[in-house]
């Protein structure tokens, strides 16, 4: 059973490839430009890295050949916008003989979720809340001024380790009993920004300070990175006033994988060197 992992070099994908390889599954890693990919050592020599663009279904034919399970993103990695070609992706998967799909939502429904829900394929939707890896956006300010500049300090978030999202995806793709399910995924604790900064400070062994950024400045910075206005406004609105699911820890990771979800303390210990430069 060959498993195709979309976004294989991204936050979730790189962990998912590693976990599937360690479990002995044949894996094919999908990325836009294989020539730029240096596979991590823990992928071993058996992972096949292939090219393809989820937004252009015609580029996926070879990547899907012989694939029976597919880890699929529902947004375009180039700009974060929802993929508009859900029915085409279903058709391509069906032609290739794919049986099972894990879908990672982007926070709001897209044509991909709708198309797979209406198909005969086994689909499972993963609904992770805020990623712990979003803290990597603080790297530059931490290195240069021992500070974190961000908005909405009072908002709590049950941030989730990207490896836990991958672990749930691995179970969905290789196990039984997940078809037609929607899994809300969180970490073990709802933390404010100052609480996360305190945890990172402990991991680095030095005190970091918090500098509050306005909502307007947050929007300006996102638009300057060429994020579509609609997407930027949605993301900022979500962070300013998240739904209850985003700040209410749930046991889904442990229920599906049999292992408690990873803490932010663990994430900061694993990634501390990236903040040190």
C-alpha atoms as a PDB file:
ATOM      1  CA  UNK A   1       0.000   0.000   0.000  1.00  0.00           C
ATOM      2  CA  UNK A   2       1.765   3.155  -1.203  1.00  0.00           C
ATOM      3  CA  UNK A   3       0.810   6.304   0.695  1.00  0.00           C
ATOM      4  CA  UNK A   4       1.110   9.704  -0.994  1.00  0.00           C
ATOM      5  CA  UNK A   5       1.874  12.572   1.383  1.00  0.00           C
ATOM      6  CA  UNK A   6       1.067  16.050   0.071  1.00  0.00           C
ATOM      7  CA  UNK A   7       3.009  18.956   1.529  1.00  0.00           C
ATOM      8  CA  UNK A   8       5.713  16.454   2.438  1.00  0.00           C
ATOM      9  CA  UNK A   9       8.269  19.095   3.396  1.00  0.00           C
ATOM     10  CA  UNK A  10       5.806  21.155   5.438  1.00  0.00           C
ATOM     11  CA  UNK A  11       5.009  21.272   9.137  1.00  0.00           C
ATOM     12  CA  UNK A  12       2.786  18.182   9.140  1.00  0.00           C
ATOM     13  CA  UNK A  13       4.083  16.361   6.086  1.00  0.00           C
ATOM     14  CA  UNK A  14       7.693  15.925   7.164  1.00  0.00           C
ATOM     15  CA  UNK A  15       6.569  14.342  10.441  1.00  0.00           C
ATOM     16  CA  UNK A  16       4.017  12.159   8.674  1.00  0.00           C
ATOM     17  CA  UNK A  17       6.550  10.805   6.182  1.00  0.00           C
ATOM     18  CA  UNK A  18       8.929   9.967   9.036  1.00  0.00           C
ATOM     19  CA  UNK A  19       6.238   8.239  11.086  1.00  0.00           C
ATOM     20  CA  UNK A  20       4.974   6.184   8.151  1.00  0.00           C
ATOM     21  CA  UNK A  21       8.525   5.133   7.222  1.00  0.00           C
ATOM     22  CA  UNK A  22       9.216   4.102  10.814  1.00  0.00           C
ATOM     23  CA  UNK A  23       6.042   2.002  10.743  1.00  0.00           C
ATOM     24  CA  UNK A  24       7.236   0.236   7.583  1.00  0.00           C
ATOM     25  CA  UNK A  25       4.847   1.739   5.029  1.00  0.00           C
ATOM     26  CA  UNK A  26       5.867   2.591   1.435  1.00  0.00           C
ATOM     27  CA  UNK A  27       5.729   6.377   1.119  1.00  0.00           C
ATOM     28  CA  UNK A  28       5.757   8.796  -1.789  1.00  0.00           C
ATOM     29  CA  UNK A  29       6.446  12.435  -0.891  1.00  0.00           C
ATOM     30  CA  UNK A  30       4.732  15.100  -2.991  1.00  0.00           C
ATOM     31  CA  UNK A  31       6.273  18.542  -3.391  1.00  0.00           C
ATOM     32  CA  UNK A  32       6.115  21.256  -6.020  1.00  0.00           C
ATOM     33  CA  UNK A  33       9.799  21.096  -6.915  1.00  0.00           C
ATOM     34  CA  UNK A  34      11.635  17.873  -5.977  1.00  0.00           C
ATOM     35  CA  UNK A  35      14.955  19.369  -7.075  1.00  0.00           C
ATOM     36  CA  UNK A  36      14.909  21.695  -4.065  1.00  0.00           C
ATOM     37  CA  UNK A  37      14.227  18.950  -1.517  1.00  0.00           C
ATOM     38  CA  UNK A  38      16.946  17.481   0.661  1.00  0.00           C
ATOM     39  CA  UNK A  39      15.210  14.536   2.359  1.00  0.00           C
ATOM     40  CA  UNK A  40      15.794  14.331   6.134  1.00  0.00           C
ATOM     41  CA  UNK A  41      17.992  11.441   7.261  1.00  0.00           C
ATOM     42  CA  UNK A  42      15.115   9.774   9.062  1.00  0.00           C
ATOM     43  CA  UNK A  43      13.235   9.355   5.791  1.00  0.00           C
ATOM     44  CA  UNK A  44      15.792   6.729   4.769  1.00  0.00           C
ATOM     45  CA  UNK A  45      16.475   5.814   1.140  1.00  0.00           C
ATOM     46  CA  UNK A  46      13.110   4.335   0.232  1.00  0.00           C
ATOM     47  CA  UNK A  47      10.951   7.472   0.152  1.00  0.00           C
ATOM     48  CA  UNK A  48      10.189   8.490  -3.427  1.00  0.00           C
ATOM     49  CA  UNK A  49      10.063  12.285  -3.814  1.00  0.00           C
ATOM     50  CA  UNK A  50       7.798  13.342  -6.686  1.00  0.00           C
ATOM     51  CA  UNK A  51       6.644  16.631  -8.165  1.00  0.00           C
ATOM     52  CA  UNK A  52       3.105  17.921  -8.437  1.00  0.00           C
ATOM     53  CA  UNK A  53       0.870  20.877  -7.637  1.00  0.00           C
ATOM     54  CA  UNK A  54      -2.450  20.258  -5.876  1.00  0.00           C
ATOM     55  CA  UNK A  55      -3.925  23.291  -7.608  1.00  0.00           C
ATOM     56  CA  UNK A  56      -3.131  21.738 -11.013  1.00  0.00           C
ATOM     57  CA  UNK A  57      -4.684  18.296 -11.073  1.00  0.00           C
ATOM     58  CA  UNK A  58      -3.036  17.371 -14.372  1.00  0.00           C
ATOM     59  CA  UNK A  59       0.377  17.409 -12.636  1.00  0.00           C
ATOM     60  CA  UNK A  60      -0.629  14.628 -10.203  1.00  0.00           C
ATOM     61  CA  UNK A  61      -1.106  11.646 -12.536  1.00  0.00           C
ATOM     62  CA  UNK A  62       2.316  10.078 -12.015  1.00  0.00           C
ATOM     63  CA  UNK A  63       2.380  10.913  -8.309  1.00  0.00           C
ATOM     64  CA  UNK A  64      -0.911   9.055  -7.801  1.00  0.00           C
ATOM     65  CA  UNK A  65       0.041   5.965  -9.777  1.00  0.00           C
ATOM     66  CA  UNK A  66      -0.287   2.902  -7.524  1.00  0.00           C
ATOM     67  CA  UNK A  67      -1.339   4.971  -4.499  1.00  0.00           C
ATOM     68  CA  UNK A  68      -4.035   3.551  -2.206  1.00  0.00           C
ATOM     69  CA  UNK A  69      -4.004   6.204   0.542  1.00  0.00           C
ATOM     70  CA  UNK A  70      -3.507   9.951   0.202  1.00  0.00           C
ATOM     71  CA  UNK A  71      -2.765  12.661   2.752  1.00  0.00           C
ATOM     72  CA  UNK A  72      -4.241  15.782   1.211  1.00  0.00           C
ATOM     73  CA  UNK A  73      -4.231  19.478   2.044  1.00  0.00           C
ATOM     74  CA  UNK A  74      -7.311  21.561   1.263  1.00  0.00           C
ATOM     75  CA  UNK A  75      -5.551  24.887   0.738  1.00  0.00           C
ATOM     76  CA  UNK A  76      -2.960  26.070  -1.749  1.00  0.00           C
ATOM     77  CA  UNK A  77       0.503  26.096  -0.214  1.00  0.00           C
ATOM     78  CA  UNK A  78       1.450  29.064  -2.390  1.00  0.00           C
ATOM     79  CA  UNK A  79      -0.972  31.558  -0.871  1.00  0.00           C
ATOM     80  CA  UNK A  80      -3.102  29.681   1.677  1.00  0.00           C
ATOM     81  CA  UNK A  81      -6.281  30.100  -0.351  1.00  0.00           C
ATOM     82  CA  UNK A  82      -8.770  27.195  -0.446  1.00  0.00           C
ATOM     83  CA  UNK A  83      -8.197  24.843  -3.369  1.00  0.00           C
ATOM     84  CA  UNK A  84     -10.960  25.335  -5.950  1.00  0.00           C
ATOM     85  CA  UNK A  85     -10.558  21.972  -7.738  1.00  0.00           C
ATOM     86  CA  UNK A  86     -12.060  19.504  -5.294  1.00  0.00           C
ATOM     87  CA  UNK A  87     -14.091  17.524  -7.871  1.00  0.00           C
ATOM     88  CA  UNK A  88     -11.011  17.169 -10.089  1.00  0.00           C
ATOM     89  CA  UNK A  89      -8.962  15.855  -7.166  1.00  0.00           C
ATOM     90  CA  UNK A  90     -11.661  13.289  -6.396  1.00  0.00           C
ATOM     91  CA  UNK A  91     -11.729  12.206 -10.041  1.00  0.00           C
ATOM     92  CA  UNK A  92      -7.937  11.844 -10.113  1.00  0.00           C
ATOM     93  CA  UNK A  93      -7.929   9.842  -6.882  1.00  0.00           C
ATOM     94  CA  UNK A  94     -10.701   7.570  -8.135  1.00  0.00           C
ATOM     95  CA  UNK A  95      -8.958   6.894 -11.446  1.00  0.00           C
ATOM     96  CA  UNK A  96      -5.734   6.013  -9.618  1.00  0.00           C
ATOM     97  CA  UNK A  97      -7.451   3.548  -7.288  1.00  0.00           C
ATOM     98  CA  UNK A  98      -7.025   5.561  -4.094  1.00  0.00           C
ATOM     99  CA  UNK A  99      -9.206   4.110  -1.344  1.00  0.00           C
ATOM    100  CA  UNK A 100      -8.581   6.293   1.701  1.00  0.00           C
ATOM    101  CA  UNK A 101      -7.900  10.016   2.162  1.00  0.00           C
ATOM    102  CA  UNK A 102      -6.980  12.219   5.114  1.00  0.00           C
ATOM    103  CA  UNK A 103      -7.978  15.848   4.588  1.00  0.00           C
ATOM    104  CA  UNK A 104      -6.342  18.669   6.565  1.00  0.00           C
ATOM    105  CA  UNK A 105      -8.709  21.615   6.648  1.00  0.00           C
ATOM    106  CA  UNK A 106      -7.528  25.209   6.522  1.00  0.00           C
ATOM    107  CA  UNK A 107     -10.060  26.516   9.036  1.00  0.00           C
ATOM    108  CA  UNK A 108     -13.018  26.875   6.730  1.00  0.00           C
ATOM    109  CA  UNK A 109     -14.766  24.610   4.185  1.00  0.00           C
ATOM    110  CA  UNK A 110     -13.414  24.346   0.665  1.00  0.00           C
ATOM    111  CA  UNK A 111     -14.398  22.542  -2.503  1.00  0.00           C
ATOM    112  CA  UNK A 112     -12.077  19.710  -1.479  1.00  0.00           C
ATOM    113  CA  UNK A 113     -13.960  18.700   1.656  1.00  0.00           C
ATOM    114  CA  UNK A 114     -17.299  18.935  -0.110  1.00  0.00           C
ATOM    115  CA  UNK A 115     -16.169  16.876  -3.090  1.00  0.00           C
ATOM    116  CA  UNK A 116     -14.679  14.047  -1.017  1.00  0.00           C
ATOM    117  CA  UNK A 117     -17.680  13.955   1.309  1.00  0.00           C
ATOM    118  CA  UNK A 118     -19.888  13.383  -1.728  1.00  0.00           C
ATOM    119  CA  UNK A 119     -17.587  10.688  -3.159  1.00  0.00           C
ATOM    120  CA  UNK A 120     -17.401   6.936  -2.586  1.00  0.00           C
ATOM    121  CA  UNK A 121     -13.882   7.196  -1.125  1.00  0.00           C
ATOM    122  CA  UNK A 122     -13.074   6.732   2.571  1.00  0.00           C
ATOM    123  CA  UNK A 123     -12.353  10.233   3.808  1.00  0.00           C
ATOM    124  CA  UNK A 124     -11.473  11.606   7.224  1.00  0.00           C
ATOM    125  CA  UNK A 125     -11.225  15.304   7.948  1.00  0.00           C
ATOM    126  CA  UNK A 126      -8.540  16.558  10.338  1.00  0.00           C
ATOM    127  CA  UNK A 127      -9.345  19.894  11.957  1.00  0.00           C
ATOM    128  CA  UNK A 128      -6.197  20.999  13.827  1.00  0.00           C
ATOM    129  CA  UNK A 129      -6.383  24.221  15.747  1.00  0.00           C
ATOM    130  CA  UNK A 130      -3.402  26.585  16.011  1.00  0.00           C
ATOM    131  CA  UNK A 131      -0.026  24.951  15.327  1.00  0.00           C
ATOM    132  CA  UNK A 132       2.742  25.214  17.914  1.00  0.00           C
ATOM    133  CA  UNK A 133       5.073  25.890  14.989  1.00  0.00           C
ATOM    134  CA  UNK A 134       3.407  29.281  14.481  1.00  0.00           C
ATOM    135  CA  UNK A 135       5.837  30.387  17.196  1.00  0.00           C
ATOM    136  CA  UNK A 136       8.608  30.183  14.592  1.00  0.00           C
ATOM    137  CA  UNK A 137       7.303  33.530  13.397  1.00  0.00           C
ATOM    138  CA  UNK A 138       8.986  34.967  16.498  1.00  0.00           C
ATOM    139  CA  UNK A 139      12.476  33.766  15.581  1.00  0.00           C
ATOM    140  CA  UNK A 140      13.854  37.015  14.170  1.00  0.00           C
ATOM    141  CA  UNK A 141      12.698  39.260  17.022  1.00  0.00           C
ATOM    142  CA  UNK A 142      13.838  36.750  19.647  1.00  0.00           C
ATOM    143  CA  UNK A 143      17.297  36.552  18.090  1.00  0.00           C
ATOM    144  CA  UNK A 144      17.727  40.301  17.644  1.00  0.00           C
ATOM    145  CA  UNK A 145      15.965  41.815  20.663  1.00  0.00           C
ATOM    146  CA  UNK A 146      14.827  39.048  23.037  1.00  0.00           C
ATOM    147  CA  UNK A 147      11.259  40.041  22.270  1.00  0.00           C
ATOM    148  CA  UNK A 148       8.080  38.667  20.762  1.00  0.00           C
ATOM    149  CA  UNK A 149       5.913  41.090  18.809  1.00  0.00           C
ATOM    150  CA  UNK A 150       2.346  39.861  18.313  1.00  0.00           C
ATOM    151  CA  UNK A 151      -1.310  40.742  18.652  1.00  0.00           C
ATOM    152  CA  UNK A 152      -4.093  39.548  20.959  1.00  0.00           C
ATOM    153  CA  UNK A 153      -2.138  38.665  24.131  1.00  0.00           C
ATOM    154  CA  UNK A 154      -5.248  37.839  26.158  1.00  0.00           C
ATOM    155  CA  UNK A 155      -6.540  35.166  23.777  1.00  0.00           C
ATOM    156  CA  UNK A 156      -6.012  31.545  24.814  1.00  0.00           C
ATOM    157  CA  UNK A 157      -5.169  28.832  22.288  1.00  0.00           C
ATOM    158  CA  UNK A 158      -4.884  25.061  22.718  1.00  0.00           C
ATOM    159  CA  UNK A 159      -1.894  24.940  20.377  1.00  0.00           C
ATOM    160  CA  UNK A 160      -1.053  21.547  18.898  1.00  0.00           C
ATOM    161  CA  UNK A 161       2.289  19.972  18.035  1.00  0.00           C
ATOM    162  CA  UNK A 162       2.483  19.299  14.298  1.00  0.00           C
ATOM    163  CA  UNK A 163       3.817  15.781  14.996  1.00  0.00           C
ATOM    164  CA  UNK A 164       0.525  14.986  16.751  1.00  0.00           C
ATOM    165  CA  UNK A 165      -1.443  16.019  13.681  1.00  0.00           C
ATOM    166  CA  UNK A 166       0.824  13.720  11.668  1.00  0.00           C
ATOM    167  CA  UNK A 167       0.290  10.872  14.143  1.00  0.00           C
ATOM    168  CA  UNK A 168      -3.477  11.126  13.761  1.00  0.00           C
ATOM    169  CA  UNK A 169      -3.106  11.252   9.977  1.00  0.00           C
ATOM    170  CA  UNK A 170      -0.935   8.129  10.058  1.00  0.00           C
ATOM    171  CA  UNK A 171      -3.617   6.258  12.000  1.00  0.00           C
ATOM    172  CA  UNK A 172      -6.321   7.466   9.634  1.00  0.00           C
ATOM    173  CA  UNK A 173      -4.363   6.385   6.558  1.00  0.00           C
ATOM    174  CA  UNK A 174      -3.344   2.961   7.845  1.00  0.00           C
ATOM    175  CA  UNK A 175      -5.999   1.964  10.384  1.00  0.00           C
ATOM    176  CA  UNK A 176      -9.706   1.188  10.352  1.00  0.00           C
ATOM    177  CA  UNK A 177     -12.747   2.908  11.776  1.00  0.00           C
ATOM    178  CA  UNK A 178     -12.041   6.503  10.757  1.00  0.00           C
ATOM    179  CA  UNK A 179     -14.032   6.872   7.539  1.00  0.00           C
ATOM    180  CA  UNK A 180     -16.484   9.746   7.532  1.00  0.00           C
ATOM    181  CA  UNK A 181     -15.146  11.213  10.779  1.00  0.00           C
ATOM    182  CA  UNK A 182     -14.169  14.794  11.545  1.00  0.00           C
ATOM    183  CA  UNK A 183     -11.453  15.065  14.166  1.00  0.00           C
ATOM    184  CA  UNK A 184     -10.975  18.308  16.070  1.00  0.00           C
ATOM    185  CA  UNK A 185      -7.319  18.322  17.152  1.00  0.00           C
ATOM    186  CA  UNK A 186      -5.765  20.356  19.971  1.00  0.00           C
ATOM    187  CA  UNK A 187      -2.835  20.290  22.302  1.00  0.00           C
ATOM    188  CA  UNK A 188      -3.166  19.533  26.019  1.00  0.00           C
ATOM    189  CA  UNK A 189      -3.420  23.106  27.375  1.00  0.00           C
ATOM    190  CA  UNK A 190      -5.000  26.441  26.448  1.00  0.00           C
ATOM    191  CA  UNK A 191      -2.238  29.046  26.648  1.00  0.00           C
ATOM    192  CA  UNK A 192      -2.127  32.803  26.192  1.00  0.00           C
ATOM    193  CA  UNK A 193       0.719  34.413  24.272  1.00  0.00           C
ATOM    194  CA  UNK A 194       2.478  35.567  27.476  1.00  0.00           C
ATOM    195  CA  UNK A 195       2.273  32.014  28.832  1.00  0.00           C
ATOM    196  CA  UNK A 196       3.822  30.591  25.669  1.00  0.00           C
ATOM    197  CA  UNK A 197       6.544  33.240  25.768  1.00  0.00           C
ATOM    198  CA  UNK A 198       7.300  32.309  29.381  1.00  0.00           C
ATOM    199  CA  UNK A 199       7.675  28.661  28.372  1.00  0.00           C
ATOM    200  CA  UNK A 200       9.985  29.608  25.505  1.00  0.00           C
ATOM    201  CA  UNK A 201      12.003  31.826  27.866  1.00  0.00           C
ATOM    202  CA  UNK A 202      12.546  28.830  30.140  1.00  0.00           C
ATOM    203  CA  UNK A 203      13.701  26.693  27.221  1.00  0.00           C
ATOM    204  CA  UNK A 204      16.173  29.376  26.102  1.00  0.00           C
ATOM    205  CA  UNK A 205      17.378  30.202  29.593  1.00  0.00           C
ATOM    206  CA  UNK A 206      16.765  33.931  29.191  1.00  0.00           C
ATOM    207  CA  UNK A 207      13.854  36.310  29.713  1.00  0.00           C
ATOM    208  CA  UNK A 208      11.875  37.372  26.662  1.00  0.00           C
ATOM    209  CA  UNK A 209       9.600  40.402  26.640  1.00  0.00           C
ATOM    210  CA  UNK A 210       6.247  40.755  24.916  1.00  0.00           C
ATOM    211  CA  UNK A 211       5.487  43.711  22.629  1.00  0.00           C
ATOM    212  CA  UNK A 212       1.862  44.058  21.601  1.00  0.00           C
ATOM    213  CA  UNK A 213       1.064  44.693  17.934  1.00  0.00           C
ATOM    214  CA  UNK A 214      -2.247  46.229  16.835  1.00  0.00           C
ATOM    215  CA  UNK A 215      -4.812  44.410  14.738  1.00  0.00           C
ATOM    216  CA  UNK A 216      -4.305  46.962  11.957  1.00  0.00           C
ATOM    217  CA  UNK A 217      -0.554  46.401  11.891  1.00  0.00           C
ATOM    218  CA  UNK A 218      -1.076  42.644  11.824  1.00  0.00           C
ATOM    219  CA  UNK A 219      -3.285  43.017   8.744  1.00  0.00           C
ATOM    220  CA  UNK A 220      -0.803  45.343   7.032  1.00  0.00           C
ATOM    221  CA  UNK A 221       2.032  42.874   7.528  1.00  0.00           C
ATOM    222  CA  UNK A 222       0.033  39.963   6.127  1.00  0.00           C
ATOM    223  CA  UNK A 223      -0.983  41.947   3.065  1.00  0.00           C
ATOM    224  CA  UNK A 224       2.657  42.956   2.562  1.00  0.00           C
ATOM    225  CA  UNK A 225       3.460  39.235   2.293  1.00  0.00           C
ATOM    226  CA  UNK A 226       0.946  39.002  -0.573  1.00  0.00           C
ATOM    227  CA  UNK A 227      -1.607  37.070   1.472  1.00  0.00           C
ATOM    228  CA  UNK A 228      -5.021  37.577  -0.187  1.00  0.00           C
ATOM    229  CA  UNK A 229      -7.101  40.140   1.676  1.00  0.00           C
ATOM    230  CA  UNK A 230      -9.952  37.714   2.357  1.00  0.00           C
ATOM    231  CA  UNK A 231      -7.554  35.124   3.777  1.00  0.00           C
ATOM    232  CA  UNK A 232      -5.677  37.686   5.876  1.00  0.00           C
ATOM    233  CA  UNK A 233      -8.886  39.107   7.349  1.00  0.00           C
ATOM    234  CA  UNK A 234     -10.143  35.615   8.134  1.00  0.00           C
ATOM    235  CA  UNK A 235      -6.905  34.592   9.880  1.00  0.00           C
ATOM    236  CA  UNK A 236      -6.731  37.785  11.942  1.00  0.00           C
ATOM    237  CA  UNK A 237     -10.406  37.546  12.876  1.00  0.00           C
ATOM    238  CA  UNK A 238      -9.879  33.949  13.965  1.00  0.00           C
ATOM    239  CA  UNK A 239      -6.950  34.886  16.206  1.00  0.00           C
ATOM    240  CA  UNK A 240      -8.792  37.887  17.660  1.00  0.00           C
ATOM    241  CA  UNK A 241     -11.936  35.924  18.506  1.00  0.00           C
ATOM    242  CA  UNK A 242     -11.353  32.194  18.037  1.00  0.00           C
ATOM    243  CA  UNK A 243     -14.138  29.629  18.288  1.00  0.00           C
ATOM    244  CA  UNK A 244     -14.438  27.591  21.470  1.00  0.00           C
ATOM    245  CA  UNK A 245     -12.841  24.615  19.704  1.00  0.00           C
ATOM    246  CA  UNK A 246      -9.577  26.575  19.463  1.00  0.00           C
ATOM    247  CA  UNK A 247      -9.148  27.116  23.200  1.00  0.00           C
ATOM    248  CA  UNK A 248     -10.831  23.997  24.615  1.00  0.00           C
ATOM    249  CA  UNK A 249      -8.385  21.075  24.914  1.00  0.00           C
ATOM    250  CA  UNK A 250      -9.801  17.754  23.748  1.00  0.00           C
ATOM    251  CA  UNK A 251      -8.482  14.193  23.967  1.00  0.00           C
ATOM    252  CA  UNK A 252      -8.761  13.333  20.265  1.00  0.00           C
ATOM    253  CA  UNK A 253      -5.023  12.801  19.757  1.00  0.00           C
ATOM    254  CA  UNK A 254      -4.888  10.276  22.586  1.00  0.00           C
ATOM    255  CA  UNK A 255      -8.205   8.693  21.583  1.00  0.00           C
ATOM    256  CA  UNK A 256      -6.951   8.027  18.047  1.00  0.00           C
ATOM    257  CA  UNK A 257      -3.261   7.285  18.655  1.00  0.00           C
ATOM    258  CA  UNK A 258      -3.255   5.896  22.178  1.00  0.00           C
ATOM    259  CA  UNK A 259      -0.696   8.515  23.267  1.00  0.00           C
ATOM    260  CA  UNK A 260      -1.248  11.872  25.033  1.00  0.00           C
ATOM    261  CA  UNK A 261      -0.741  14.990  22.967  1.00  0.00           C
ATOM    262  CA  UNK A 262       2.652  16.685  23.167  1.00  0.00           C
ATOM    263  CA  UNK A 263       3.146  19.793  25.309  1.00  0.00           C
ATOM    264  CA  UNK A 264       4.387  23.224  24.289  1.00  0.00           C
ATOM    265  CA  UNK A 265       7.272  22.682  26.714  1.00  0.00           C
ATOM    266  CA  UNK A 266       8.371  19.727  24.573  1.00  0.00           C
ATOM    267  CA  UNK A 267       8.005  21.728  21.355  1.00  0.00           C
ATOM    268  CA  UNK A 268      10.163  24.571  22.684  1.00  0.00           C
ATOM    269  CA  UNK A 269      12.829  22.115  23.872  1.00  0.00           C
ATOM    270  CA  UNK A 270      12.922  20.524  20.409  1.00  0.00           C
ATOM    271  CA  UNK A 271      13.130  23.870  18.616  1.00  0.00           C
ATOM    272  CA  UNK A 272      15.116  26.059  21.021  1.00  0.00           C
ATOM    273  CA  UNK A 273      18.207  26.146  18.807  1.00  0.00           C
ATOM    274  CA  UNK A 274      16.205  27.734  15.999  1.00  0.00           C
ATOM    275  CA  UNK A 275      15.639  30.757  18.235  1.00  0.00           C
ATOM    276  CA  UNK A 276      19.286  30.960  19.239  1.00  0.00           C
ATOM    277  CA  UNK A 277      20.609  31.461  15.707  1.00  0.00           C
END
